[in-house]
Amino acid sequence: MSTALAPMTLAAGLARLQLELPRETQQKLLDYLALVQKWNKVYNLTAIRNAEAMLTHHLLDSLAVAPHVRNAKTILDAGSGAGLPGIPLALALPNAQVTLLDSNQKKAAFLQQATIELPLANVNVICDLVENIQLNQGVTFVVSRAFAELAKFVALAGHLIARGGTLLAMKGALPSEEIAQLPGDFKVSRVVPLNVPGVHAQRHLVFIEAAA
């Protein structure tokens, strides 16, 4: 993908997601992708190397979550890796405070550098295991993208959500077996199919809350 075509392609994807983002934000999203490509050569942040595939399978895939967390005050991205979906969400939702959590020191170093270079005033980075983290206040949403099976995700990250908060698991095909294996103190409140521009595989967003 040439640099000249990238803004048009991103704009088309945002239109299909019904996301209206300022031109400056769109440029920062592209700058973020450029950073991922640059650091990927040394740090192996993602197996996807093609710029167009990164745009669809990483950037637009992450941004597909934004309409469902539009009013979030706090978001924690568990197992953030290259900053997905946390950094795209932080750019799309500047009023949300976003925490990027990853236990890999090299990936955490990239996340820290990305927050400086872009820059991202509403993002902080933590390098640790999700089960080790203790927050003074729980967060509105804990989101994971291919982090773990649902039962393990709940076991490791369930303590991080505030009262009335939600765990959000980004999945491919509908994970019916994983949903059936959830412990009784958590429940799936809804499952939303995600239509990601340029991604032909199934995508679902699973909402998990503490059972009453």
N, C-alpha and C. Protein backbone atom coordinates (compact mmCIF):
# COMPACT_ATOMS: atom_id res chain seq x y z
N MET A 1 0.85 -1.19 0.00
CA MET A 1 0.00 0.00 0.00
C MET A 1 0.88 1.23 0.00
N SER A 2 0.64 2.15 -0.90
CA SER A 2 1.42 3.37 -0.94
C SER A 2 0.90 4.34 0.11
N THR A 3 1.77 5.26 0.52
CA THR A 3 1.37 6.25 1.50
C THR A 3 0.24 7.11 0.97
N ALA A 4 0.24 7.38 -0.35
CA ALA A 4 -0.78 8.23 -0.94
C ALA A 4 -2.17 7.60 -0.84
N LEU A 5 -2.23 6.28 -0.93
CA LEU A 5 -3.52 5.60 -0.90
C LEU A 5 -4.02 5.35 0.52
N ALA A 6 -3.09 5.35 1.49
CA ALA A 6 -3.46 4.95 2.85
C ALA A 6 -4.57 5.79 3.47
N PRO A 7 -4.51 7.13 3.39
CA PRO A 7 -5.60 7.90 4.01
C PRO A 7 -6.96 7.60 3.40
N MET A 8 -7.01 7.43 2.08
CA MET A 8 -8.27 7.13 1.40
C MET A 8 -8.80 5.77 1.86
N THR A 9 -7.92 4.80 1.96
CA THR A 9 -8.32 3.46 2.38
C THR A 9 -8.79 3.47 3.83
N LEU A 10 -8.10 4.17 4.69
CA LEU A 10 -8.51 4.27 6.07
C LEU A 10 -9.86 4.99 6.16
N ALA A 11 -10.01 6.06 5.42
CA ALA A 11 -11.26 6.82 5.43
C ALA A 11 -12.43 5.96 5.00
N ALA A 12 -12.21 5.13 3.98
CA ALA A 12 -13.28 4.24 3.51
C ALA A 12 -13.65 3.22 4.58
N GLY A 13 -12.64 2.70 5.26
CA GLY A 13 -12.90 1.74 6.34
C GLY A 13 -13.66 2.38 7.49
N LEU A 14 -13.27 3.59 7.85
CA LEU A 14 -13.96 4.30 8.93
C LEU A 14 -15.41 4.59 8.55
N ALA A 15 -15.63 4.91 7.29
CA ALA A 15 -17.00 5.18 6.84
C ALA A 15 -17.87 3.94 6.98
N ARG A 16 -17.31 2.78 6.64
CA ARG A 16 -18.07 1.54 6.76
C ARG A 16 -18.31 1.16 8.22
N LEU A 17 -17.41 1.59 9.10
CA LEU A 17 -17.60 1.36 10.54
C LEU A 17 -18.49 2.43 11.16
N GLN A 18 -18.84 3.43 10.35
CA GLN A 18 -19.65 4.57 10.82
C GLN A 18 -18.94 5.31 11.96
N LEU A 19 -17.63 5.47 11.77
CA LEU A 19 -16.81 6.21 12.72
C LEU A 19 -16.35 7.51 12.07
N GLU A 20 -16.67 8.61 12.68
CA GLU A 20 -16.20 9.90 12.20
C GLU A 20 -15.04 10.36 13.07
N LEU A 21 -13.85 10.40 12.49
CA LEU A 21 -12.66 10.80 13.22
C LEU A 21 -12.00 11.98 12.53
N PRO A 22 -11.47 12.93 13.29
CA PRO A 22 -10.80 14.09 12.69
C PRO A 22 -9.63 13.66 11.81
N ARG A 23 -9.29 14.49 10.85
CA ARG A 23 -8.18 14.20 9.95
C ARG A 23 -6.88 13.97 10.72
N GLU A 24 -6.68 14.76 11.78
CA GLU A 24 -5.47 14.61 12.60
C GLU A 24 -5.42 13.23 13.26
N THR A 25 -6.57 12.76 13.73
CA THR A 25 -6.62 11.44 14.35
C THR A 25 -6.34 10.35 13.32
N GLN A 26 -6.90 10.50 12.13
CA GLN A 26 -6.65 9.52 11.07
C GLN A 26 -5.16 9.45 10.74
N GLN A 27 -4.51 10.60 10.72
CA GLN A 27 -3.07 10.62 10.44
C GLN A 27 -2.29 9.92 11.55
N LYS A 28 -2.72 10.14 12.79
CA LYS A 28 -2.04 9.47 13.92
C LYS A 28 -2.22 7.96 13.85
N LEU A 29 -3.38 7.52 13.39
CA LEU A 29 -3.60 6.08 13.23
C LEU A 29 -2.63 5.50 12.20
N LEU A 30 -2.40 6.24 11.13
CA LEU A 30 -1.46 5.79 10.10
C LEU A 30 -0.02 5.87 10.62
N ASP A 31 0.26 6.91 11.41
CA ASP A 31 1.60 7.02 12.02
C ASP A 31 1.85 5.84 12.96
N TYR A 32 0.81 5.42 13.67
CA TYR A 32 0.92 4.26 14.56
C TYR A 32 1.26 3.01 13.77
N LEU A 33 0.56 2.81 12.65
CA LEU A 33 0.86 1.64 11.81
C LEU A 33 2.30 1.67 11.32
N ALA A 34 2.78 2.85 10.98
CA ALA A 34 4.16 2.98 10.52
C ALA A 34 5.14 2.61 11.63
N LEU A 35 4.81 2.97 12.87
CA LEU A 35 5.65 2.59 14.01
C LEU A 35 5.67 1.08 14.20
N VAL A 36 4.50 0.45 14.08
CA VAL A 36 4.43 -1.01 14.21
C VAL A 36 5.32 -1.67 13.16
N GLN A 37 5.22 -1.19 11.92
CA GLN A 37 6.05 -1.75 10.84
C GLN A 37 7.53 -1.58 11.13
N LYS A 38 7.91 -0.41 11.62
CA LYS A 38 9.32 -0.12 11.90
C LYS A 38 9.85 -1.02 13.01
N TRP A 39 9.13 -1.11 14.12
CA TRP A 39 9.59 -1.90 15.26
C TRP A 39 9.43 -3.40 15.03
N ASN A 40 8.55 -3.76 14.12
CA ASN A 40 8.29 -5.17 13.86
C ASN A 40 9.52 -5.89 13.32
N LYS A 41 10.36 -5.13 12.66
CA LYS A 41 11.57 -5.72 12.06
C LYS A 41 12.52 -6.26 13.12
N VAL A 42 12.48 -5.67 14.31
CA VAL A 42 13.39 -6.06 15.38
C VAL A 42 12.67 -6.82 16.50
N TYR A 43 11.45 -6.37 16.84
CA TYR A 43 10.77 -6.88 18.02
C TYR A 43 9.71 -7.93 17.73
N ASN A 44 9.43 -8.21 16.44
CA ASN A 44 8.46 -9.23 16.08
C ASN A 44 7.12 -9.01 16.80
N LEU A 45 6.56 -7.83 16.62
CA LEU A 45 5.31 -7.47 17.30
C LEU A 45 4.11 -8.21 16.74
N THR A 46 4.13 -8.47 15.45
CA THR A 46 2.99 -9.12 14.80
C THR A 46 3.46 -9.97 13.63
N ALA A 47 2.74 -11.07 13.37
CA ALA A 47 3.09 -11.94 12.25
C ALA A 47 2.67 -11.33 10.92
N ILE A 48 1.75 -10.38 10.96
CA ILE A 48 1.30 -9.71 9.74
C ILE A 48 2.31 -8.65 9.35
N ARG A 49 2.83 -8.75 8.13
CA ARG A 49 3.87 -7.82 7.67
C ARG A 49 3.35 -6.86 6.60
N ASN A 50 2.34 -7.30 5.86
CA ASN A 50 1.80 -6.50 4.77
C ASN A 50 1.04 -5.29 5.31
N ALA A 51 1.32 -4.10 4.75
CA ALA A 51 0.73 -2.86 5.28
C ALA A 51 -0.78 -2.84 5.12
N GLU A 52 -1.28 -3.33 4.00
CA GLU A 52 -2.73 -3.33 3.79
C GLU A 52 -3.42 -4.28 4.75
N ALA A 53 -2.81 -5.44 4.98
CA ALA A 53 -3.38 -6.41 5.93
C ALA A 53 -3.34 -5.86 7.35
N MET A 54 -2.27 -5.12 7.68
CA MET A 54 -2.20 -4.48 9.00
C MET A 54 -3.35 -3.49 9.18
N LEU A 55 -3.65 -2.75 8.11
CA LEU A 55 -4.73 -1.77 8.18
C LEU A 55 -6.07 -2.43 8.47
N THR A 56 -6.36 -3.52 7.76
CA THR A 56 -7.66 -4.16 7.92
C THR A 56 -7.71 -5.06 9.15
N HIS A 57 -6.72 -5.96 9.28
CA HIS A 57 -6.78 -6.99 10.32
C HIS A 57 -6.33 -6.51 11.70
N HIS A 58 -5.65 -5.39 11.75
CA HIS A 58 -5.24 -4.84 13.04
C HIS A 58 -5.99 -3.54 13.36
N LEU A 59 -5.82 -2.54 12.49
CA LEU A 59 -6.36 -1.21 12.79
C LEU A 59 -7.88 -1.19 12.75
N LEU A 60 -8.46 -1.59 11.62
CA LEU A 60 -9.92 -1.55 11.49
C LEU A 60 -10.58 -2.59 12.40
N ASP A 61 -9.92 -3.72 12.60
CA ASP A 61 -10.44 -4.74 13.51
C ASP A 61 -10.56 -4.17 14.92
N SER A 62 -9.55 -3.42 15.35
CA SER A 62 -9.58 -2.80 16.67
C SER A 62 -10.63 -1.69 16.74
N LEU A 63 -10.70 -0.88 15.70
CA LEU A 63 -11.63 0.25 15.69
C LEU A 63 -13.09 -0.20 15.63
N ALA A 64 -13.33 -1.43 15.20
CA ALA A 64 -14.70 -1.96 15.16
C ALA A 64 -15.30 -2.04 16.56
N VAL A 65 -14.45 -2.05 17.57
CA VAL A 65 -14.91 -2.11 18.96
C VAL A 65 -15.37 -0.73 19.45
N ALA A 66 -14.82 0.33 18.87
CA ALA A 66 -15.03 1.69 19.37
C ALA A 66 -16.50 2.08 19.57
N PRO A 67 -17.40 1.79 18.61
CA PRO A 67 -18.81 2.18 18.82
C PRO A 67 -19.44 1.52 20.05
N HIS A 68 -18.89 0.41 20.49
CA HIS A 68 -19.47 -0.34 21.61
C HIS A 68 -18.91 0.10 22.97
N VAL A 69 -17.88 0.96 22.94
CA VAL A 69 -17.30 1.48 24.19
C VAL A 69 -17.22 3.00 24.13
N ARG A 70 -18.10 3.58 23.36
CA ARG A 70 -18.02 5.02 23.04
C ARG A 70 -18.00 5.90 24.30
N ASN A 71 -18.74 5.50 25.35
CA ASN A 71 -18.85 6.32 26.55
C ASN A 71 -17.94 5.85 27.69
N ALA A 72 -16.97 5.01 27.36
CA ALA A 72 -16.09 4.48 28.41
C ALA A 72 -15.23 5.57 29.03
N LYS A 73 -15.10 5.51 30.35
CA LYS A 73 -14.19 6.43 31.04
C LYS A 73 -12.80 5.82 31.15
N THR A 74 -12.78 4.50 31.37
CA THR A 74 -11.50 3.81 31.53
C THR A 74 -11.53 2.48 30.78
N ILE A 75 -10.44 2.17 30.09
CA ILE A 75 -10.30 0.92 29.34
C ILE A 75 -8.94 0.32 29.65
N LEU A 76 -8.90 -0.97 29.92
CA LEU A 76 -7.62 -1.66 30.08
C LEU A 76 -7.52 -2.73 29.00
N ASP A 77 -6.43 -2.67 28.24
CA ASP A 77 -6.17 -3.63 27.17
C ASP A 77 -5.25 -4.71 27.71
N ALA A 78 -5.81 -5.89 27.99
CA ALA A 78 -5.05 -6.99 28.60
C ALA A 78 -4.32 -7.79 27.54
N GLY A 79 -3.01 -7.91 27.69
CA GLY A 79 -2.20 -8.59 26.68
C GLY A 79 -2.13 -7.76 25.41
N SER A 80 -1.76 -6.49 25.58
CA SER A 80 -1.87 -5.51 24.50
C SER A 80 -0.97 -5.82 23.30
N GLY A 81 0.18 -6.43 23.53
CA GLY A 81 1.07 -6.78 22.42
C GLY A 81 1.59 -5.54 21.71
N ALA A 82 1.17 -5.37 20.47
CA ALA A 82 1.60 -4.21 19.67
C ALA A 82 0.72 -2.99 19.93
N GLY A 83 -0.16 -3.09 20.94
CA GLY A 83 -1.06 -1.98 21.24
C GLY A 83 -2.44 -2.14 20.66
N LEU A 84 -2.83 -3.39 20.45
CA LEU A 84 -4.10 -3.70 19.80
C LEU A 84 -5.03 -4.44 20.75
N PRO A 85 -6.22 -3.92 20.98
CA PRO A 85 -6.84 -2.77 20.32
C PRO A 85 -6.62 -1.44 21.04
N GLY A 86 -5.80 -1.41 22.10
CA GLY A 86 -5.74 -0.25 22.98
C GLY A 86 -5.38 1.07 22.33
N ILE A 87 -4.32 1.08 21.50
CA ILE A 87 -3.89 2.36 20.90
C ILE A 87 -4.92 2.90 19.91
N PRO A 88 -5.45 2.09 18.98
CA PRO A 88 -6.52 2.62 18.12
C PRO A 88 -7.72 3.14 18.91
N LEU A 89 -8.10 2.44 19.99
CA LEU A 89 -9.23 2.89 20.81
C LEU A 89 -8.89 4.20 21.52
N ALA A 90 -7.65 4.33 21.99
CA ALA A 90 -7.24 5.57 22.66
C ALA A 90 -7.29 6.76 21.70
N LEU A 91 -6.94 6.52 20.45
CA LEU A 91 -6.98 7.59 19.45
C LEU A 91 -8.42 7.93 19.08
N ALA A 92 -9.26 6.92 18.96
CA ALA A 92 -10.66 7.14 18.57
C ALA A 92 -11.48 7.71 19.70
N LEU A 93 -11.07 7.44 20.95
CA LEU A 93 -11.83 7.85 22.14
C LEU A 93 -10.94 8.67 23.07
N PRO A 94 -10.64 9.91 22.70
CA PRO A 94 -9.68 10.71 23.47
C PRO A 94 -10.13 11.03 24.90
N ASN A 95 -11.42 10.88 25.21
CA ASN A 95 -11.91 11.14 26.56
C ASN A 95 -11.78 9.95 27.49
N ALA A 96 -11.38 8.82 26.94
CA ALA A 96 -11.19 7.61 27.76
C ALA A 96 -9.73 7.50 28.18
N GLN A 97 -9.52 7.09 29.42
CA GLN A 97 -8.17 6.81 29.89
C GLN A 97 -7.87 5.33 29.62
N VAL A 98 -6.83 5.06 28.84
CA VAL A 98 -6.55 3.71 28.37
C VAL A 98 -5.24 3.20 28.97
N THR A 99 -5.30 2.01 29.55
CA THR A 99 -4.11 1.35 30.08
C THR A 99 -3.74 0.18 29.17
N LEU A 100 -2.49 0.15 28.75
CA LEU A 100 -1.97 -0.94 27.92
C LEU A 100 -1.15 -1.85 28.82
N LEU A 101 -1.55 -3.11 28.91
CA LEU A 101 -0.90 -4.05 29.81
C LEU A 101 -0.31 -5.22 29.03
N ASP A 102 1.00 -5.43 29.20
CA ASP A 102 1.64 -6.58 28.58
C ASP A 102 2.83 -7.00 29.43
N SER A 103 3.03 -8.30 29.57
CA SER A 103 4.11 -8.80 30.42
C SER A 103 5.44 -8.92 29.69
N ASN A 104 5.43 -8.77 28.35
CA ASN A 104 6.65 -8.86 27.55
C ASN A 104 7.36 -7.51 27.56
N GLN A 105 8.61 -7.50 28.03
CA GLN A 105 9.33 -6.24 28.20
C GLN A 105 9.59 -5.52 26.87
N LYS A 106 9.87 -6.28 25.82
CA LYS A 106 10.12 -5.65 24.52
C LYS A 106 8.85 -5.00 23.98
N LYS A 107 7.74 -5.70 24.11
CA LYS A 107 6.47 -5.13 23.63
C LYS A 107 6.08 -3.93 24.48
N ALA A 108 6.29 -4.00 25.78
CA ALA A 108 5.99 -2.86 26.65
C ALA A 108 6.87 -1.66 26.30
N ALA A 109 8.12 -1.93 25.91
CA ALA A 109 9.01 -0.84 25.49
C ALA A 109 8.49 -0.18 24.22
N PHE A 110 7.99 -0.98 23.29
CA PHE A 110 7.38 -0.41 22.09
C PHE A 110 6.17 0.43 22.44
N LEU A 111 5.30 -0.08 23.31
CA LEU A 111 4.10 0.65 23.71
C LEU A 111 4.46 1.99 24.34
N GLN A 112 5.48 1.98 25.18
CA GLN A 112 5.92 3.22 25.83
C GLN A 112 6.43 4.22 24.79
N GLN A 113 7.19 3.72 23.83
CA GLN A 113 7.73 4.59 22.78
C GLN A 113 6.61 5.15 21.91
N ALA A 114 5.62 4.32 21.61
CA ALA A 114 4.50 4.77 20.78
C ALA A 114 3.72 5.88 21.46
N THR A 115 3.52 5.76 22.77
CA THR A 115 2.78 6.80 23.50
C THR A 115 3.54 8.12 23.49
N ILE A 116 4.86 8.05 23.44
CA ILE A 116 5.69 9.27 23.39
C ILE A 116 5.68 9.88 22.00
N GLU A 117 5.85 9.04 20.98
CA GLU A 117 6.01 9.55 19.61
C GLU A 117 4.71 10.06 19.01
N LEU A 118 3.56 9.49 19.39
CA LEU A 118 2.33 9.85 18.68
C LEU A 118 1.80 11.27 18.97
N PRO A 119 1.84 11.91 20.09
CA PRO A 119 1.89 11.36 21.43
C PRO A 119 0.47 11.05 21.92
N LEU A 120 0.37 10.28 23.01
CA LEU A 120 -0.93 9.86 23.53
C LEU A 120 -1.03 10.25 25.00
N ALA A 121 -1.71 11.34 25.27
CA ALA A 121 -1.82 11.84 26.64
C ALA A 121 -2.75 10.99 27.50
N ASN A 122 -3.66 10.23 26.86
CA ASN A 122 -4.65 9.45 27.61
C ASN A 122 -4.27 7.98 27.75
N VAL A 123 -2.99 7.67 27.62
CA VAL A 123 -2.53 6.27 27.68
C VAL A 123 -1.43 6.10 28.70
N ASN A 124 -1.49 5.01 29.47
CA ASN A 124 -0.35 4.62 30.29
C ASN A 124 -0.06 3.14 30.05
N VAL A 125 1.18 2.76 30.29
CA VAL A 125 1.65 1.41 29.97
C VAL A 125 2.10 0.72 31.25
N ILE A 126 1.70 -0.53 31.42
CA ILE A 126 2.14 -1.36 32.54
C ILE A 126 2.74 -2.65 31.99
N CYS A 127 3.94 -2.98 32.47
CA CYS A 127 4.58 -4.24 32.09
C CYS A 127 4.47 -5.20 33.27
N ASP A 128 3.52 -6.12 33.16
CA ASP A 128 3.30 -7.09 34.24
C ASP A 128 2.29 -8.12 33.76
N LEU A 129 2.11 -9.16 34.55
CA LEU A 129 1.06 -10.14 34.28
C LEU A 129 -0.28 -9.58 34.73
N VAL A 130 -1.33 -9.85 33.98
CA VAL A 130 -2.64 -9.28 34.30
C VAL A 130 -3.12 -9.70 35.69
N GLU A 131 -2.80 -10.92 36.10
CA GLU A 131 -3.26 -11.40 37.41
C GLU A 131 -2.53 -10.73 38.58
N ASN A 132 -1.40 -10.08 38.28
CA ASN A 132 -0.63 -9.41 39.34
C ASN A 132 -1.09 -7.98 39.60
N ILE A 133 -1.88 -7.43 38.68
CA ILE A 133 -2.24 -6.02 38.76
C ILE A 133 -3.34 -5.80 39.79
N GLN A 134 -3.14 -4.78 40.61
CA GLN A 134 -4.16 -4.34 41.55
C GLN A 134 -4.40 -2.85 41.30
N LEU A 135 -5.63 -2.48 41.01
CA LEU A 135 -5.97 -1.08 40.72
C LEU A 135 -6.69 -0.46 41.90
N ASN A 136 -6.43 0.83 42.14
CA ASN A 136 -7.15 1.55 43.19
C ASN A 136 -8.64 1.61 42.90
N GLN A 137 -8.95 1.79 41.60
CA GLN A 137 -10.33 1.78 41.14
C GLN A 137 -10.43 0.86 39.93
N GLY A 138 -11.50 0.08 39.87
CA GLY A 138 -11.68 -0.78 38.71
C GLY A 138 -11.96 0.03 37.45
N VAL A 139 -11.83 -0.61 36.31
CA VAL A 139 -12.03 0.07 35.03
C VAL A 139 -13.41 -0.28 34.46
N THR A 140 -13.86 0.57 33.54
CA THR A 140 -15.16 0.35 32.91
C THR A 140 -15.13 -0.88 32.03
N PHE A 141 -14.08 -1.00 31.22
CA PHE A 141 -13.95 -2.13 30.29
C PHE A 141 -12.54 -2.71 30.36
N VAL A 142 -12.46 -4.02 30.45
CA VAL A 142 -11.20 -4.74 30.21
C VAL A 142 -11.39 -5.48 28.90
N VAL A 143 -10.56 -5.17 27.92
CA VAL A 143 -10.72 -5.77 26.60
C VAL A 143 -9.53 -6.66 26.29
N SER A 144 -9.78 -7.77 25.62
CA SER A 144 -8.70 -8.66 25.20
C SER A 144 -8.91 -9.06 23.75
N ARG A 145 -7.82 -9.22 23.06
CA ARG A 145 -7.85 -9.63 21.65
C ARG A 145 -6.95 -10.86 21.53
N ALA A 146 -7.59 -12.02 21.44
CA ALA A 146 -6.84 -13.29 21.36
C ALA A 146 -5.91 -13.47 22.56
N PHE A 147 -6.37 -13.05 23.73
CA PHE A 147 -5.55 -13.13 24.93
C PHE A 147 -5.64 -14.51 25.57
N ALA A 148 -6.84 -15.04 25.69
CA ALA A 148 -7.03 -16.34 26.35
C ALA A 148 -8.46 -16.82 26.11
N GLU A 149 -8.73 -18.09 26.44
CA GLU A 149 -10.10 -18.57 26.42
C GLU A 149 -10.90 -17.81 27.46
N LEU A 150 -12.21 -17.75 27.29
CA LEU A 150 -13.05 -16.90 28.12
C LEU A 150 -12.93 -17.20 29.61
N ALA A 151 -12.94 -18.48 29.99
CA ALA A 151 -12.86 -18.84 31.40
C ALA A 151 -11.54 -18.36 32.01
N LYS A 152 -10.45 -18.48 31.26
CA LYS A 152 -9.15 -18.03 31.76
C LYS A 152 -9.10 -16.50 31.80
N PHE A 153 -9.67 -15.86 30.80
CA PHE A 153 -9.73 -14.40 30.76
C PHE A 153 -10.45 -13.87 32.00
N VAL A 154 -11.58 -14.47 32.32
CA VAL A 154 -12.36 -14.06 33.50
C VAL A 154 -11.56 -14.31 34.78
N ALA A 155 -10.91 -15.47 34.86
CA ALA A 155 -10.15 -15.81 36.07
C ALA A 155 -8.99 -14.85 36.30
N LEU A 156 -8.33 -14.44 35.23
CA LEU A 156 -7.14 -13.59 35.35
C LEU A 156 -7.48 -12.10 35.47
N ALA A 157 -8.54 -11.67 34.79
CA ALA A 157 -8.80 -10.23 34.67
C ALA A 157 -10.10 -9.77 35.31
N GLY A 158 -10.90 -10.71 35.82
CA GLY A 158 -12.21 -10.34 36.37
C GLY A 158 -12.13 -9.37 37.53
N HIS A 159 -11.02 -9.40 38.28
CA HIS A 159 -10.90 -8.51 39.44
C HIS A 159 -10.62 -7.05 39.06
N LEU A 160 -10.38 -6.80 37.78
CA LEU A 160 -9.99 -5.45 37.35
C LEU A 160 -11.17 -4.55 36.99
N ILE A 161 -12.34 -5.14 36.79
CA ILE A 161 -13.48 -4.31 36.38
C ILE A 161 -14.15 -3.66 37.60
N ALA A 162 -14.64 -2.45 37.38
CA ALA A 162 -15.39 -1.74 38.42
C ALA A 162 -16.77 -2.38 38.57
N ARG A 163 -17.49 -2.01 39.63
CA ARG A 163 -18.87 -2.47 39.78
C ARG A 163 -19.67 -2.02 38.56
N GLY A 164 -20.34 -2.95 37.92
CA GLY A 164 -21.07 -2.63 36.70
C GLY A 164 -20.19 -2.61 35.47
N GLY A 165 -18.90 -2.95 35.62
CA GLY A 165 -17.96 -2.96 34.49
C GLY A 165 -18.12 -4.22 33.65
N THR A 166 -17.40 -4.25 32.54
CA THR A 166 -17.57 -5.32 31.55
C THR A 166 -16.22 -5.82 31.05
N LEU A 167 -16.11 -7.13 30.90
CA LEU A 167 -15.00 -7.76 30.20
C LEU A 167 -15.41 -7.92 28.74
N LEU A 168 -14.56 -7.48 27.84
CA LEU A 168 -14.85 -7.58 26.40
C LEU A 168 -13.81 -8.48 25.75
N ALA A 169 -14.28 -9.59 25.18
CA ALA A 169 -13.38 -10.52 24.50
C ALA A 169 -13.61 -10.44 22.99
N MET A 170 -12.57 -10.10 22.25
CA MET A 170 -12.64 -10.08 20.79
C MET A 170 -12.33 -11.49 20.28
N LYS A 171 -13.28 -12.07 19.58
CA LYS A 171 -13.16 -13.45 19.12
C LYS A 171 -13.43 -13.56 17.62
N GLY A 172 -13.06 -14.71 17.05
CA GLY A 172 -13.37 -14.98 15.66
C GLY A 172 -14.77 -15.56 15.56
N ALA A 173 -14.85 -16.87 15.32
CA ALA A 173 -16.16 -17.53 15.28
C ALA A 173 -16.80 -17.48 16.67
N LEU A 174 -18.12 -17.58 16.71
CA LEU A 174 -18.85 -17.54 17.98
C LEU A 174 -18.32 -18.64 18.91
N PRO A 175 -17.76 -18.27 20.08
CA PRO A 175 -17.12 -19.27 20.96
C PRO A 175 -18.12 -19.93 21.89
N SER A 176 -19.03 -20.69 21.35
CA SER A 176 -20.11 -21.28 22.14
C SER A 176 -19.59 -22.18 23.25
N GLU A 177 -18.59 -23.02 22.96
CA GLU A 177 -18.05 -23.92 23.97
C GLU A 177 -17.39 -23.14 25.11
N GLU A 178 -16.66 -22.08 24.76
CA GLU A 178 -16.02 -21.26 25.79
C GLU A 178 -17.06 -20.57 26.67
N ILE A 179 -18.13 -20.10 26.07
CA ILE A 179 -19.20 -19.45 26.84
C ILE A 179 -19.82 -20.43 27.83
N ALA A 180 -20.01 -21.67 27.38
CA ALA A 180 -20.61 -22.70 28.25
C ALA A 180 -19.72 -23.04 29.43
N GLN A 181 -18.42 -22.79 29.32
CA GLN A 181 -17.48 -23.14 30.38
C GLN A 181 -17.19 -21.99 31.35
N LEU A 182 -17.89 -20.87 31.20
CA LEU A 182 -17.68 -19.75 32.11
C LEU A 182 -18.10 -20.12 33.53
N PRO A 183 -17.38 -19.64 34.54
CA PRO A 183 -17.78 -19.92 35.93
C PRO A 183 -19.10 -19.21 36.25
N GLY A 184 -19.80 -19.71 37.26
CA GLY A 184 -21.13 -19.20 37.57
C GLY A 184 -21.20 -17.77 38.06
N ASP A 185 -20.05 -17.21 38.50
CA ASP A 185 -20.08 -15.84 39.01
C ASP A 185 -19.94 -14.80 37.89
N PHE A 186 -19.85 -15.27 36.64
CA PHE A 186 -19.84 -14.36 35.49
C PHE A 186 -20.84 -14.85 34.46
N LYS A 187 -21.34 -13.93 33.68
CA LYS A 187 -22.31 -14.27 32.63
C LYS A 187 -22.04 -13.47 31.37
N VAL A 188 -22.43 -14.03 30.24
CA VAL A 188 -22.36 -13.30 28.97
C VAL A 188 -23.65 -12.49 28.83
N SER A 189 -23.52 -11.19 28.77
CA SER A 189 -24.70 -10.32 28.66
C SER A 189 -25.14 -10.16 27.21
N ARG A 190 -24.19 -10.20 26.29
CA ARG A 190 -24.54 -10.17 24.86
C ARG A 190 -23.32 -10.50 24.02
N VAL A 191 -23.57 -10.89 22.79
CA VAL A 191 -22.51 -11.15 21.81
C VAL A 191 -22.86 -10.37 20.54
N VAL A 192 -21.93 -9.55 20.09
CA VAL A 192 -22.17 -8.69 18.93
C VAL A 192 -21.29 -9.12 17.77
N PRO A 193 -21.86 -9.46 16.61
CA PRO A 193 -21.05 -9.73 15.43
C PRO A 193 -20.39 -8.42 14.96
N LEU A 194 -19.13 -8.49 14.62
CA LEU A 194 -18.41 -7.32 14.11
C LEU A 194 -18.16 -7.49 12.62
N ASN A 195 -18.56 -6.49 11.85
CA ASN A 195 -18.29 -6.49 10.42
C ASN A 195 -17.10 -5.58 10.16
N VAL A 196 -15.93 -6.19 10.00
CA VAL A 196 -14.70 -5.43 9.84
C VAL A 196 -14.38 -5.29 8.35
N PRO A 197 -14.28 -4.07 7.86
CA PRO A 197 -13.96 -3.86 6.44
C PRO A 197 -12.65 -4.55 6.05
N GLY A 198 -12.71 -5.34 4.99
CA GLY A 198 -11.52 -6.02 4.49
C GLY A 198 -11.19 -7.32 5.19
N VAL A 199 -11.97 -7.68 6.23
CA VAL A 199 -11.75 -8.95 6.94
C VAL A 199 -12.96 -9.84 6.66
N HIS A 200 -12.71 -10.95 6.01
CA HIS A 200 -13.82 -11.81 5.56
C HIS A 200 -14.15 -12.91 6.57
N ALA A 201 -13.27 -13.11 7.53
CA ALA A 201 -13.53 -14.12 8.57
C ALA A 201 -14.54 -13.57 9.58
N GLN A 202 -15.16 -14.48 10.32
CA GLN A 202 -16.11 -14.07 11.36
C GLN A 202 -15.38 -13.35 12.49
N ARG A 203 -16.04 -12.33 13.04
CA ARG A 203 -15.52 -11.62 14.20
C ARG A 203 -16.68 -11.37 15.16
N HIS A 204 -16.46 -11.60 16.43
CA HIS A 204 -17.49 -11.38 17.45
C HIS A 204 -16.89 -10.66 18.65
N LEU A 205 -17.72 -9.85 19.31
CA LEU A 205 -17.34 -9.18 20.53
C LEU A 205 -18.24 -9.73 21.64
N VAL A 206 -17.61 -10.37 22.64
CA VAL A 206 -18.35 -11.02 23.72
C VAL A 206 -18.30 -10.13 24.97
N PHE A 207 -19.49 -9.76 25.47
CA PHE A 207 -19.61 -8.93 26.66
C PHE A 207 -19.84 -9.84 27.87
N ILE A 208 -18.96 -9.74 28.87
CA ILE A 208 -19.05 -10.58 30.06
C ILE A 208 -19.14 -9.69 31.29
N GLU A 209 -20.11 -9.97 32.15
CA GLU A 209 -20.31 -9.18 33.36
C GLU A 209 -20.41 -10.10 34.57
N ALA A 210 -20.20 -9.52 35.74
CA ALA A 210 -20.39 -10.28 36.97
C ALA A 210 -21.86 -10.65 37.12
N ALA A 211 -22.11 -11.89 37.49
CA ALA A 211 -23.51 -12.33 37.67
C ALA A 211 -24.09 -11.66 38.91
N ALA A 212 -25.37 -11.35 38.85
CA ALA A 212 -26.03 -10.67 39.99
C ALA A 212 -26.10 -11.60 41.19
